[in-house]
Amino acid sequence: MVNRVREFRNKKGLTQLELAEITEIYQNDISQIETGGRKVFPGWRKRLSEALEVEEEVLFPEDEGEK
């Protein structure tokens, strides 16, 4: 699963641990999401997009065709 979580996290100057604390998603899950090894649940998508201040469609562009 292609996503831009790492890109936007780095732009905000956040570590995975900091993003995990903000979103209440385990750091290990953040790591797996960034590498495409973890399914991103709808609630997590929302939390990540809010924390990174970017639209879900921008953060997860490959999902556009699935909606």
N, C-alpha and C. Protein backbone atom coordinates (compact mmCIF):
# COMPACT_ATOMS: atom_id res chain seq x y z
N MET A 1 0.84 -1.18 0.00
CA MET A 1 0.00 0.00 0.00
C MET A 1 0.89 1.24 0.00
N VAL A 2 0.76 2.03 -1.03
CA VAL A 2 1.55 3.25 -1.13
C VAL A 2 0.87 4.36 -0.33
N ASN A 3 1.65 5.05 0.47
CA ASN A 3 1.12 6.20 1.20
C ASN A 3 2.24 7.22 1.39
N ARG A 4 1.87 8.37 1.88
CA ARG A 4 2.83 9.46 2.02
C ARG A 4 3.01 9.86 3.49
N VAL A 5 2.74 8.95 4.40
CA VAL A 5 2.83 9.25 5.82
C VAL A 5 4.24 9.69 6.19
N ARG A 6 5.26 8.93 5.80
CA ARG A 6 6.64 9.28 6.15
C ARG A 6 7.00 10.66 5.60
N GLU A 7 6.64 10.92 4.36
CA GLU A 7 6.94 12.20 3.72
C GLU A 7 6.38 13.37 4.54
N PHE A 8 5.10 13.30 4.90
CA PHE A 8 4.48 14.40 5.63
C PHE A 8 4.93 14.44 7.09
N ARG A 9 5.23 13.29 7.67
CA ARG A 9 5.76 13.27 9.04
C ARG A 9 7.10 13.99 9.07
N ASN A 10 7.96 13.70 8.09
CA ASN A 10 9.26 14.36 8.02
C ASN A 10 9.12 15.86 7.78
N LYS A 11 8.17 16.26 6.94
CA LYS A 11 7.94 17.69 6.69
C LYS A 11 7.56 18.43 7.96
N LYS A 12 6.82 17.75 8.84
CA LYS A 12 6.43 18.37 10.11
C LYS A 12 7.51 18.25 11.18
N GLY A 13 8.58 17.53 10.86
CA GLY A 13 9.68 17.39 11.80
C GLY A 13 9.36 16.48 12.98
N LEU A 14 8.49 15.50 12.75
CA LEU A 14 8.09 14.58 13.81
C LEU A 14 8.82 13.25 13.67
N THR A 15 9.13 12.64 14.80
CA THR A 15 9.62 11.27 14.81
C THR A 15 8.41 10.34 14.77
N GLN A 16 8.67 9.07 14.50
CA GLN A 16 7.57 8.10 14.55
C GLN A 16 6.96 8.05 15.94
N LEU A 17 7.80 8.13 16.96
CA LEU A 17 7.30 8.08 18.33
C LEU A 17 6.41 9.28 18.64
N GLU A 18 6.82 10.46 18.19
CA GLU A 18 6.00 11.66 18.42
C GLU A 18 4.66 11.55 17.71
N LEU A 19 4.68 11.07 16.47
CA LEU A 19 3.42 10.88 15.73
C LEU A 19 2.56 9.83 16.42
N ALA A 20 3.18 8.79 16.92
CA ALA A 20 2.45 7.75 17.64
C ALA A 20 1.75 8.32 18.87
N GLU A 21 2.45 9.18 19.60
CA GLU A 21 1.86 9.78 20.80
C GLU A 21 0.70 10.70 20.45
N ILE A 22 0.83 11.46 19.37
CA ILE A 22 -0.23 12.38 18.94
C ILE A 22 -1.47 11.61 18.49
N THR A 23 -1.25 10.56 17.72
CA THR A 23 -2.37 9.82 17.11
C THR A 23 -2.89 8.67 17.97
N GLU A 24 -2.15 8.33 19.01
CA GLU A 24 -2.47 7.17 19.85
C GLU A 24 -2.48 5.88 19.03
N ILE A 25 -1.52 5.80 18.09
CA ILE A 25 -1.27 4.59 17.31
C ILE A 25 0.14 4.14 17.69
N TYR A 26 0.32 2.87 17.97
CA TYR A 26 1.64 2.38 18.38
C TYR A 26 2.72 2.75 17.36
N GLN A 27 3.91 3.06 17.86
CA GLN A 27 5.04 3.42 16.99
C GLN A 27 5.35 2.30 16.00
N ASN A 28 5.26 1.06 16.45
CA ASN A 28 5.51 -0.08 15.56
C ASN A 28 4.51 -0.09 14.40
N ASP A 29 3.26 0.24 14.69
CA ASP A 29 2.24 0.31 13.64
C ASP A 29 2.53 1.46 12.67
N ILE A 30 2.98 2.60 13.20
CA ILE A 30 3.35 3.74 12.34
C ILE A 30 4.44 3.30 11.37
N SER A 31 5.45 2.60 11.89
CA SER A 31 6.55 2.12 11.06
C SER A 31 6.03 1.20 9.95
N GLN A 32 5.16 0.28 10.31
CA GLN A 32 4.61 -0.65 9.32
C GLN A 32 3.71 0.05 8.31
N ILE A 33 2.97 1.05 8.76
CA ILE A 33 2.13 1.83 7.84
C ILE A 33 3.01 2.53 6.81
N GLU A 34 4.10 3.13 7.29
CA GLU A 34 5.00 3.87 6.39
C GLU A 34 5.64 2.98 5.33
N THR A 35 5.87 1.73 5.66
CA THR A 35 6.50 0.81 4.70
C THR A 35 5.48 0.01 3.90
N GLY A 36 4.20 0.25 4.17
CA GLY A 36 3.16 -0.45 3.43
C GLY A 36 2.87 -1.84 3.94
N GLY A 37 3.40 -2.18 5.11
CA GLY A 37 3.22 -3.52 5.65
C GLY A 37 2.06 -3.66 6.61
N ARG A 38 1.27 -2.62 6.75
CA ARG A 38 0.17 -2.65 7.72
C ARG A 38 -1.06 -2.01 7.11
N LYS A 39 -2.20 -2.67 7.28
CA LYS A 39 -3.47 -2.08 6.85
C LYS A 39 -3.74 -0.84 7.69
N VAL A 40 -4.27 0.18 7.05
CA VAL A 40 -4.58 1.42 7.76
C VAL A 40 -6.09 1.49 7.93
N PHE A 41 -6.54 1.34 9.16
CA PHE A 41 -7.97 1.37 9.45
C PHE A 41 -8.52 2.78 9.26
N PRO A 42 -9.80 2.92 8.94
CA PRO A 42 -10.39 4.25 8.71
C PRO A 42 -10.14 5.24 9.85
N GLY A 43 -10.26 4.79 11.08
CA GLY A 43 -10.01 5.68 12.21
C GLY A 43 -8.57 6.16 12.27
N TRP A 44 -7.65 5.26 11.92
CA TRP A 44 -6.23 5.63 11.90
C TRP A 44 -5.97 6.63 10.79
N ARG A 45 -6.58 6.42 9.62
CA ARG A 45 -6.41 7.35 8.50
C ARG A 45 -6.80 8.76 8.92
N LYS A 46 -7.93 8.84 9.61
CA LYS A 46 -8.42 10.15 10.07
C LYS A 46 -7.45 10.78 11.05
N ARG A 47 -6.99 10.00 12.04
CA ARG A 47 -6.06 10.53 13.04
C ARG A 47 -4.74 10.97 12.40
N LEU A 48 -4.23 10.18 11.48
CA LEU A 48 -2.98 10.52 10.81
C LEU A 48 -3.13 11.78 9.97
N SER A 49 -4.22 11.88 9.23
CA SER A 49 -4.41 13.06 8.38
C SER A 49 -4.58 14.32 9.22
N GLU A 50 -5.27 14.22 10.34
CA GLU A 50 -5.43 15.38 11.23
C GLU A 50 -4.11 15.77 11.86
N ALA A 51 -3.35 14.80 12.33
CA ALA A 51 -2.06 15.09 12.98
C ALA A 51 -1.06 15.69 12.00
N LEU A 52 -1.11 15.25 10.75
CA LEU A 52 -0.16 15.72 9.75
C LEU A 52 -0.70 16.90 8.95
N GLU A 53 -1.94 17.29 9.25
CA GLU A 53 -2.60 18.44 8.62
C GLU A 53 -2.62 18.32 7.10
N VAL A 54 -3.10 17.17 6.64
CA VAL A 54 -3.21 16.91 5.20
C VAL A 54 -4.45 16.06 4.97
N GLU A 55 -5.09 16.26 3.83
CA GLU A 55 -6.29 15.49 3.50
C GLU A 55 -5.97 14.00 3.37
N GLU A 56 -6.91 13.16 3.76
CA GLU A 56 -6.72 11.71 3.65
C GLU A 56 -6.39 11.29 2.22
N GLU A 57 -7.04 11.91 1.24
CA GLU A 57 -6.83 11.55 -0.17
C GLU A 57 -5.41 11.86 -0.62
N VAL A 58 -4.79 12.86 -0.01
CA VAL A 58 -3.41 13.22 -0.34
C VAL A 58 -2.46 12.25 0.36
N LEU A 59 -2.77 11.91 1.59
CA LEU A 59 -1.93 11.03 2.38
C LEU A 59 -1.96 9.59 1.86
N PHE A 60 -3.12 9.17 1.37
CA PHE A 60 -3.30 7.81 0.87
C PHE A 60 -3.86 7.86 -0.56
N PRO A 61 -3.06 8.31 -1.53
CA PRO A 61 -3.57 8.54 -2.89
C PRO A 61 -4.01 7.28 -3.64
N GLU A 62 -3.45 6.12 -3.32
CA GLU A 62 -3.79 4.90 -4.04
C GLU A 62 -5.20 4.44 -3.76
N ASP A 63 -5.81 4.95 -2.70
CA ASP A 63 -7.15 4.52 -2.32
C ASP A 63 -8.25 5.24 -3.08
N GLU A 64 -7.92 6.23 -3.89
CA GLU A 64 -8.92 7.01 -4.61
C GLU A 64 -9.86 6.13 -5.43
N GLY A 65 -9.32 5.12 -6.10
CA GLY A 65 -10.14 4.26 -6.94
C GLY A 65 -10.99 3.28 -6.17
N GLU A 66 -10.71 3.10 -4.89
CA GLU A 66 -11.42 2.12 -4.08
C GLU A 66 -12.68 2.67 -3.44
N LYS A 67 -12.89 3.98 -3.49
CA LYS A 67 -14.03 4.59 -2.81
C LYS A 67 -15.28 4.51 -3.64
